[in-house]
Amino acid sequence: MEGIVISQSSLAVPNHNRDEGSQISDLADCPVCGQVLSELGSAALQEAHIKSCLDGGGQSPSGRISDAGRYIVYKLPAESSLIGDECVICLEEFAKGSLVARMSCLCTFHSPCLSTWLQRGRACPVHARDT
């Protein structure tokens, strides 16, 4: 698995465009291809785009097909809908500034927790039984 680190500037989402139910609402741009997510429309379309890129279906700005098995790593902004939710690996809550990792299935974990988990296998801790 390969982690993609996201800069804080990529997380600057205006509050009026945020969808509180979206797993992607913390991101302004696609971390794989750089697409401006607000241009895609609904939160569902944005999430589908991110999933496609992380699964290897997207293209980077250079036109190169992205590698499968990626996850993104970023610090949670203060406005994140994930703050207060639990990481299912360590069962501790996400806090502002937590370094988190989001997999292509859109599940989110503390980055160190996911890194340790993935040393044992490539499956998402939540969806491991689905495979």
N, C-alpha and C. Protein backbone atom coordinates (compact mmCIF):
# COMPACT_ATOMS: atom_id res chain seq x y z
N MET A 1 0.84 -1.18 0.00
CA MET A 1 0.00 0.00 0.00
C MET A 1 0.88 1.23 0.00
N GLU A 2 0.42 2.23 -0.67
CA GLU A 2 1.17 3.47 -0.77
C GLU A 2 0.32 4.60 -0.21
N GLY A 3 0.89 5.39 0.70
CA GLY A 3 0.18 6.53 1.25
C GLY A 3 0.45 7.77 0.43
N ILE A 4 -0.58 8.58 0.23
CA ILE A 4 -0.46 9.86 -0.44
C ILE A 4 -0.69 10.92 0.63
N VAL A 5 0.30 11.76 0.88
CA VAL A 5 0.18 12.77 1.92
C VAL A 5 -0.45 14.02 1.32
N ILE A 6 -1.47 14.55 2.01
CA ILE A 6 -2.24 15.70 1.55
C ILE A 6 -1.81 16.93 2.33
N SER A 7 -1.56 18.04 1.65
CA SER A 7 -1.19 19.28 2.32
C SER A 7 -2.43 19.95 2.91
N GLN A 8 -2.23 20.78 3.92
CA GLN A 8 -3.33 21.51 4.54
C GLN A 8 -4.07 22.38 3.54
N SER A 9 -3.40 22.94 2.54
CA SER A 9 -4.06 23.80 1.56
C SER A 9 -5.08 23.04 0.73
N SER A 10 -4.91 21.74 0.59
CA SER A 10 -5.89 20.93 -0.15
C SER A 10 -7.14 20.66 0.66
N LEU A 11 -7.11 21.00 1.94
CA LEU A 11 -8.26 20.74 2.80
C LEU A 11 -9.11 21.98 3.03
N ALA A 12 -8.79 23.08 2.38
CA ALA A 12 -9.49 24.33 2.59
C ALA A 12 -10.82 24.33 1.85
N VAL A 13 -11.86 23.79 2.49
CA VAL A 13 -13.17 23.72 1.88
C VAL A 13 -14.06 24.78 2.50
N PRO A 14 -14.65 25.69 1.70
CA PRO A 14 -15.54 26.69 2.26
C PRO A 14 -16.73 26.02 2.95
N ASN A 15 -17.14 26.54 4.09
CA ASN A 15 -18.23 25.93 4.85
C ASN A 15 -19.54 25.86 4.08
N HIS A 16 -19.81 26.82 3.19
CA HIS A 16 -21.08 26.80 2.47
C HIS A 16 -21.15 25.69 1.44
N ASN A 17 -20.05 25.09 1.06
CA ASN A 17 -20.05 24.00 0.09
C ASN A 17 -19.91 22.63 0.75
N ARG A 18 -19.78 22.60 2.06
CA ARG A 18 -19.55 21.33 2.75
C ARG A 18 -20.84 20.53 2.85
N ASP A 19 -20.73 19.24 2.69
CA ASP A 19 -21.83 18.31 2.88
C ASP A 19 -21.50 17.52 4.13
N GLU A 20 -22.25 17.78 5.21
CA GLU A 20 -21.93 17.16 6.50
C GLU A 20 -21.99 15.64 6.45
N GLY A 21 -22.75 15.05 5.53
CA GLY A 21 -22.84 13.61 5.45
C GLY A 21 -21.76 12.99 4.59
N SER A 22 -20.92 13.80 3.98
CA SER A 22 -19.93 13.29 3.04
C SER A 22 -18.66 12.86 3.75
N GLN A 23 -18.12 11.72 3.32
CA GLN A 23 -16.83 11.25 3.82
C GLN A 23 -15.69 12.02 3.19
N ILE A 24 -15.95 12.74 2.10
CA ILE A 24 -14.93 13.43 1.34
C ILE A 24 -14.92 14.92 1.65
N SER A 25 -15.85 15.41 2.43
CA SER A 25 -16.04 16.85 2.60
C SER A 25 -14.82 17.58 3.16
N ASP A 26 -13.81 16.88 3.65
CA ASP A 26 -12.60 17.53 4.15
C ASP A 26 -11.65 17.92 3.02
N LEU A 27 -11.87 17.43 1.82
CA LEU A 27 -10.95 17.65 0.71
C LEU A 27 -11.49 18.66 -0.29
N ALA A 28 -10.61 19.54 -0.78
CA ALA A 28 -10.99 20.49 -1.83
C ALA A 28 -10.65 19.93 -3.21
N ASP A 29 -9.53 19.20 -3.30
CA ASP A 29 -9.06 18.64 -4.56
C ASP A 29 -8.84 17.14 -4.40
N CYS A 30 -8.96 16.42 -5.51
CA CYS A 30 -8.65 14.99 -5.51
C CYS A 30 -7.16 14.84 -5.23
N PRO A 31 -6.77 14.05 -4.24
CA PRO A 31 -5.36 13.91 -3.89
C PRO A 31 -4.56 13.11 -4.92
N VAL A 32 -5.23 12.41 -5.81
CA VAL A 32 -4.53 11.60 -6.80
C VAL A 32 -4.34 12.36 -8.11
N CYS A 33 -5.43 12.95 -8.63
CA CYS A 33 -5.34 13.58 -9.95
C CYS A 33 -5.41 15.10 -9.91
N GLY A 34 -5.76 15.68 -8.76
CA GLY A 34 -5.81 17.12 -8.63
C GLY A 34 -7.11 17.77 -9.06
N GLN A 35 -8.10 16.99 -9.47
CA GLN A 35 -9.40 17.52 -9.89
C GLN A 35 -10.03 18.33 -8.75
N VAL A 36 -10.57 19.52 -9.06
CA VAL A 36 -11.29 20.31 -8.07
C VAL A 36 -12.62 19.62 -7.82
N LEU A 37 -12.82 19.11 -6.60
CA LEU A 37 -13.98 18.29 -6.31
C LEU A 37 -15.30 19.03 -6.42
N SER A 38 -15.33 20.32 -6.07
CA SER A 38 -16.60 21.06 -6.14
C SER A 38 -17.12 21.15 -7.57
N GLU A 39 -16.24 21.02 -8.56
CA GLU A 39 -16.65 21.05 -9.96
C GLU A 39 -17.39 19.78 -10.38
N LEU A 40 -17.29 18.72 -9.58
CA LEU A 40 -17.92 17.45 -9.92
C LEU A 40 -19.39 17.40 -9.53
N GLY A 41 -19.81 18.28 -8.62
CA GLY A 41 -21.20 18.30 -8.20
C GLY A 41 -21.40 17.73 -6.82
N SER A 42 -22.31 16.81 -6.69
CA SER A 42 -22.74 16.29 -5.39
C SER A 42 -21.63 15.56 -4.65
N ALA A 43 -21.83 15.40 -3.34
CA ALA A 43 -20.87 14.66 -2.52
C ALA A 43 -20.72 13.23 -3.02
N ALA A 44 -21.82 12.63 -3.48
CA ALA A 44 -21.75 11.25 -3.98
C ALA A 44 -20.84 11.16 -5.20
N LEU A 45 -20.92 12.14 -6.11
CA LEU A 45 -20.05 12.14 -7.28
C LEU A 45 -18.60 12.38 -6.88
N GLN A 46 -18.38 13.24 -5.90
CA GLN A 46 -17.02 13.50 -5.41
C GLN A 46 -16.43 12.24 -4.81
N GLU A 47 -17.21 11.54 -3.98
CA GLU A 47 -16.74 10.31 -3.36
C GLU A 47 -16.45 9.24 -4.40
N ALA A 48 -17.30 9.14 -5.43
CA ALA A 48 -17.07 8.16 -6.50
C ALA A 48 -15.77 8.47 -7.24
N HIS A 49 -15.51 9.75 -7.47
CA HIS A 49 -14.29 10.16 -8.16
C HIS A 49 -13.05 9.77 -7.35
N ILE A 50 -13.05 10.10 -6.05
CA ILE A 50 -11.91 9.77 -5.18
C ILE A 50 -11.70 8.26 -5.15
N LYS A 51 -12.77 7.51 -4.98
CA LYS A 51 -12.67 6.05 -4.94
C LYS A 51 -12.08 5.51 -6.24
N SER A 52 -12.53 6.03 -7.37
CA SER A 52 -12.02 5.59 -8.66
C SER A 52 -10.53 5.87 -8.77
N CYS A 53 -10.12 7.06 -8.38
CA CYS A 53 -8.69 7.41 -8.46
C CYS A 53 -7.86 6.54 -7.53
N LEU A 54 -8.32 6.33 -6.30
CA LEU A 54 -7.56 5.53 -5.35
C LEU A 54 -7.51 4.06 -5.76
N ASP A 55 -8.56 3.60 -6.45
CA ASP A 55 -8.58 2.21 -6.92
C ASP A 55 -7.75 2.01 -8.18
N GLY A 56 -7.22 3.10 -8.73
CA GLY A 56 -6.38 2.99 -9.91
C GLY A 56 -7.07 3.36 -11.20
N GLY A 57 -8.31 3.81 -11.13
CA GLY A 57 -9.05 4.17 -12.34
C GLY A 57 -8.86 5.60 -12.77
N GLY A 58 -8.24 6.42 -11.92
CA GLY A 58 -8.05 7.83 -12.26
C GLY A 58 -6.72 8.06 -12.93
N GLN A 59 -6.53 9.28 -13.39
CA GLN A 59 -5.27 9.63 -14.01
C GLN A 59 -4.67 10.81 -13.28
N SER A 60 -3.37 10.83 -13.21
CA SER A 60 -2.67 11.96 -12.62
C SER A 60 -2.66 13.10 -13.63
N PRO A 61 -2.31 14.32 -13.22
CA PRO A 61 -2.23 15.42 -14.17
C PRO A 61 -1.31 15.14 -15.35
N SER A 62 -0.32 14.27 -15.17
CA SER A 62 0.60 13.94 -16.27
C SER A 62 -0.02 12.95 -17.25
N GLY A 63 -1.23 12.43 -16.91
CA GLY A 63 -1.88 11.46 -17.79
C GLY A 63 -1.56 10.03 -17.44
N ARG A 64 -0.68 9.80 -16.48
CA ARG A 64 -0.30 8.45 -16.07
C ARG A 64 -1.41 7.85 -15.22
N ILE A 65 -1.77 6.62 -15.49
CA ILE A 65 -2.77 5.94 -14.67
C ILE A 65 -2.20 5.76 -13.27
N SER A 66 -2.99 6.09 -12.26
CA SER A 66 -2.51 5.97 -10.89
C SER A 66 -2.45 4.52 -10.46
N ASP A 67 -1.58 4.23 -9.52
CA ASP A 67 -1.39 2.87 -9.02
C ASP A 67 -2.52 2.48 -8.09
N ALA A 68 -2.91 1.21 -8.12
CA ALA A 68 -3.93 0.71 -7.22
C ALA A 68 -3.34 0.55 -5.83
N GLY A 69 -4.19 0.44 -4.81
CA GLY A 69 -3.73 0.20 -3.45
C GLY A 69 -3.24 1.43 -2.73
N ARG A 70 -3.70 2.59 -3.11
CA ARG A 70 -3.27 3.82 -2.45
C ARG A 70 -4.25 4.20 -1.35
N TYR A 71 -3.73 4.96 -0.42
CA TYR A 71 -4.59 5.60 0.58
C TYR A 71 -4.04 7.00 0.81
N ILE A 72 -4.90 7.89 1.25
CA ILE A 72 -4.46 9.27 1.45
C ILE A 72 -4.25 9.54 2.93
N VAL A 73 -3.29 10.40 3.22
CA VAL A 73 -2.95 10.76 4.59
C VAL A 73 -3.01 12.28 4.71
N TYR A 74 -3.72 12.77 5.73
CA TYR A 74 -3.80 14.21 5.94
C TYR A 74 -4.16 14.51 7.39
N LYS A 75 -3.97 15.77 7.79
CA LYS A 75 -4.37 16.21 9.13
C LYS A 75 -5.80 16.69 9.07
N LEU A 76 -6.60 16.28 10.05
CA LEU A 76 -8.00 16.69 10.08
C LEU A 76 -8.12 18.18 10.37
N PRO A 77 -8.87 18.90 9.54
CA PRO A 77 -9.12 20.32 9.84
C PRO A 77 -10.15 20.44 10.95
N ALA A 78 -10.25 21.61 11.56
CA ALA A 78 -11.17 21.84 12.68
C ALA A 78 -12.62 21.58 12.31
N GLU A 79 -12.98 21.78 11.03
CA GLU A 79 -14.37 21.63 10.60
C GLU A 79 -14.73 20.21 10.18
N SER A 80 -13.85 19.26 10.30
CA SER A 80 -14.08 17.91 9.79
C SER A 80 -15.27 17.24 10.46
N SER A 81 -16.06 16.55 9.65
CA SER A 81 -17.19 15.78 10.18
C SER A 81 -16.72 14.52 10.90
N LEU A 82 -15.43 14.17 10.77
CA LEU A 82 -14.89 12.98 11.43
C LEU A 82 -14.51 13.22 12.90
N ILE A 83 -14.38 14.49 13.30
CA ILE A 83 -13.98 14.79 14.67
C ILE A 83 -15.03 14.24 15.63
N GLY A 84 -14.56 13.46 16.59
CA GLY A 84 -15.44 12.82 17.55
C GLY A 84 -15.80 11.39 17.20
N ASP A 85 -15.61 10.99 15.91
CA ASP A 85 -15.82 9.60 15.52
C ASP A 85 -14.63 8.78 16.00
N GLU A 86 -14.82 7.46 16.10
CA GLU A 86 -13.75 6.58 16.58
C GLU A 86 -13.00 5.92 15.43
N CYS A 87 -11.72 5.77 15.62
CA CYS A 87 -10.91 4.91 14.75
C CYS A 87 -11.23 3.48 15.16
N VAL A 88 -11.66 2.64 14.22
CA VAL A 88 -12.07 1.28 14.58
C VAL A 88 -10.90 0.38 14.93
N ILE A 89 -9.69 0.83 14.70
CA ILE A 89 -8.52 0.02 15.05
C ILE A 89 -8.15 0.24 16.52
N CYS A 90 -7.99 1.50 16.93
CA CYS A 90 -7.55 1.79 18.30
C CYS A 90 -8.70 2.21 19.22
N LEU A 91 -9.86 2.50 18.64
CA LEU A 91 -11.08 2.92 19.36
C LEU A 91 -10.95 4.28 20.04
N GLU A 92 -9.96 5.07 19.62
CA GLU A 92 -9.84 6.44 20.13
C GLU A 92 -10.46 7.40 19.13
N GLU A 93 -10.98 8.53 19.64
CA GLU A 93 -11.66 9.49 18.79
C GLU A 93 -10.68 10.28 17.94
N PHE A 94 -11.14 10.68 16.75
CA PHE A 94 -10.38 11.59 15.90
C PHE A 94 -10.50 12.98 16.50
N ALA A 95 -9.42 13.73 16.49
CA ALA A 95 -9.39 15.09 17.01
C ALA A 95 -8.83 16.02 15.95
N LYS A 96 -9.09 17.30 16.10
CA LYS A 96 -8.54 18.30 15.19
C LYS A 96 -7.03 18.10 15.09
N GLY A 97 -6.52 18.06 13.89
CA GLY A 97 -5.10 17.89 13.68
C GLY A 97 -4.62 16.46 13.68
N SER A 98 -5.52 15.49 13.95
CA SER A 98 -5.13 14.08 13.90
C SER A 98 -4.63 13.74 12.51
N LEU A 99 -3.57 12.97 12.43
CA LEU A 99 -3.09 12.48 11.15
C LEU A 99 -3.90 11.24 10.81
N VAL A 100 -4.72 11.34 9.76
CA VAL A 100 -5.62 10.25 9.40
C VAL A 100 -5.28 9.71 8.02
N ALA A 101 -5.70 8.49 7.78
CA ALA A 101 -5.52 7.84 6.48
C ALA A 101 -6.88 7.37 5.99
N ARG A 102 -7.20 7.67 4.73
CA ARG A 102 -8.47 7.24 4.13
C ARG A 102 -8.16 6.29 2.99
N MET A 103 -8.78 5.11 3.04
CA MET A 103 -8.58 4.09 2.02
C MET A 103 -9.55 4.31 0.86
N SER A 104 -9.39 3.54 -0.19
CA SER A 104 -10.25 3.70 -1.37
C SER A 104 -11.71 3.35 -1.08
N CYS A 105 -11.97 2.56 -0.05
CA CYS A 105 -13.34 2.23 0.34
C CYS A 105 -13.97 3.37 1.13
N LEU A 106 -13.20 4.45 1.36
CA LEU A 106 -13.58 5.66 2.09
C LEU A 106 -13.61 5.47 3.60
N CYS A 107 -13.10 4.36 4.10
CA CYS A 107 -12.95 4.18 5.54
C CYS A 107 -11.73 4.98 6.00
N THR A 108 -11.84 5.59 7.19
CA THR A 108 -10.78 6.46 7.71
C THR A 108 -10.29 5.94 9.05
N PHE A 109 -8.98 6.00 9.26
CA PHE A 109 -8.32 5.53 10.47
C PHE A 109 -7.21 6.50 10.83
N HIS A 110 -6.71 6.41 12.07
CA HIS A 110 -5.48 7.15 12.38
C HIS A 110 -4.40 6.56 11.47
N SER A 111 -3.56 7.42 10.92
CA SER A 111 -2.54 6.95 9.98
C SER A 111 -1.61 5.90 10.60
N PRO A 112 -1.10 6.11 11.82
CA PRO A 112 -0.22 5.07 12.39
C PRO A 112 -0.96 3.75 12.61
N CYS A 113 -2.25 3.82 12.96
CA CYS A 113 -3.04 2.60 13.16
C CYS A 113 -3.15 1.82 11.86
N LEU A 114 -3.48 2.52 10.78
CA LEU A 114 -3.63 1.85 9.48
C LEU A 114 -2.29 1.30 9.00
N SER A 115 -1.24 2.06 9.19
CA SER A 115 0.09 1.60 8.78
C SER A 115 0.44 0.28 9.45
N THR A 116 0.20 0.21 10.76
CA THR A 116 0.47 -1.03 11.51
C THR A 116 -0.43 -2.15 11.02
N TRP A 117 -1.71 -1.86 10.81
CA TRP A 117 -2.67 -2.86 10.34
C TRP A 117 -2.25 -3.43 8.99
N LEU A 118 -1.82 -2.56 8.09
CA LEU A 118 -1.49 -3.00 6.73
C LEU A 118 -0.19 -3.79 6.66
N GLN A 119 0.58 -3.82 7.74
CA GLN A 119 1.76 -4.67 7.77
C GLN A 119 1.35 -6.14 7.82
N ARG A 120 0.11 -6.38 8.23
CA ARG A 120 -0.42 -7.75 8.32
C ARG A 120 -1.20 -8.16 7.08
N GLY A 121 -1.58 -7.20 6.24
CA GLY A 121 -2.36 -7.52 5.04
C GLY A 121 -2.83 -6.26 4.35
N ARG A 122 -3.45 -6.42 3.18
CA ARG A 122 -3.85 -5.27 2.38
C ARG A 122 -5.32 -4.91 2.55
N ALA A 123 -6.09 -5.66 3.31
CA ALA A 123 -7.53 -5.43 3.41
C ALA A 123 -7.86 -4.37 4.45
N CYS A 124 -8.91 -3.63 4.17
CA CYS A 124 -9.44 -2.65 5.10
C CYS A 124 -9.91 -3.38 6.36
N PRO A 125 -9.62 -2.85 7.55
CA PRO A 125 -10.07 -3.50 8.79
C PRO A 125 -11.59 -3.65 8.86
N VAL A 126 -12.33 -2.73 8.28
CA VAL A 126 -13.80 -2.79 8.31
C VAL A 126 -14.31 -3.78 7.28
N HIS A 127 -13.71 -3.80 6.11
CA HIS A 127 -14.20 -4.64 5.02
C HIS A 127 -13.42 -5.93 4.82
N ALA A 128 -12.52 -6.27 5.72
CA ALA A 128 -11.67 -7.46 5.56
C ALA A 128 -12.48 -8.73 5.39
N ARG A 129 -13.61 -8.81 6.05
CA ARG A 129 -14.44 -10.03 5.96
C ARG A 129 -15.24 -10.08 4.67
N ASP A 130 -15.37 -8.94 3.98
CA ASP A 130 -16.13 -8.90 2.73
C ASP A 130 -15.37 -9.52 1.57
N THR A 131 -14.04 -9.67 1.72
CA THR A 131 -13.23 -10.18 0.62
C THR A 131 -13.03 -11.67 0.69
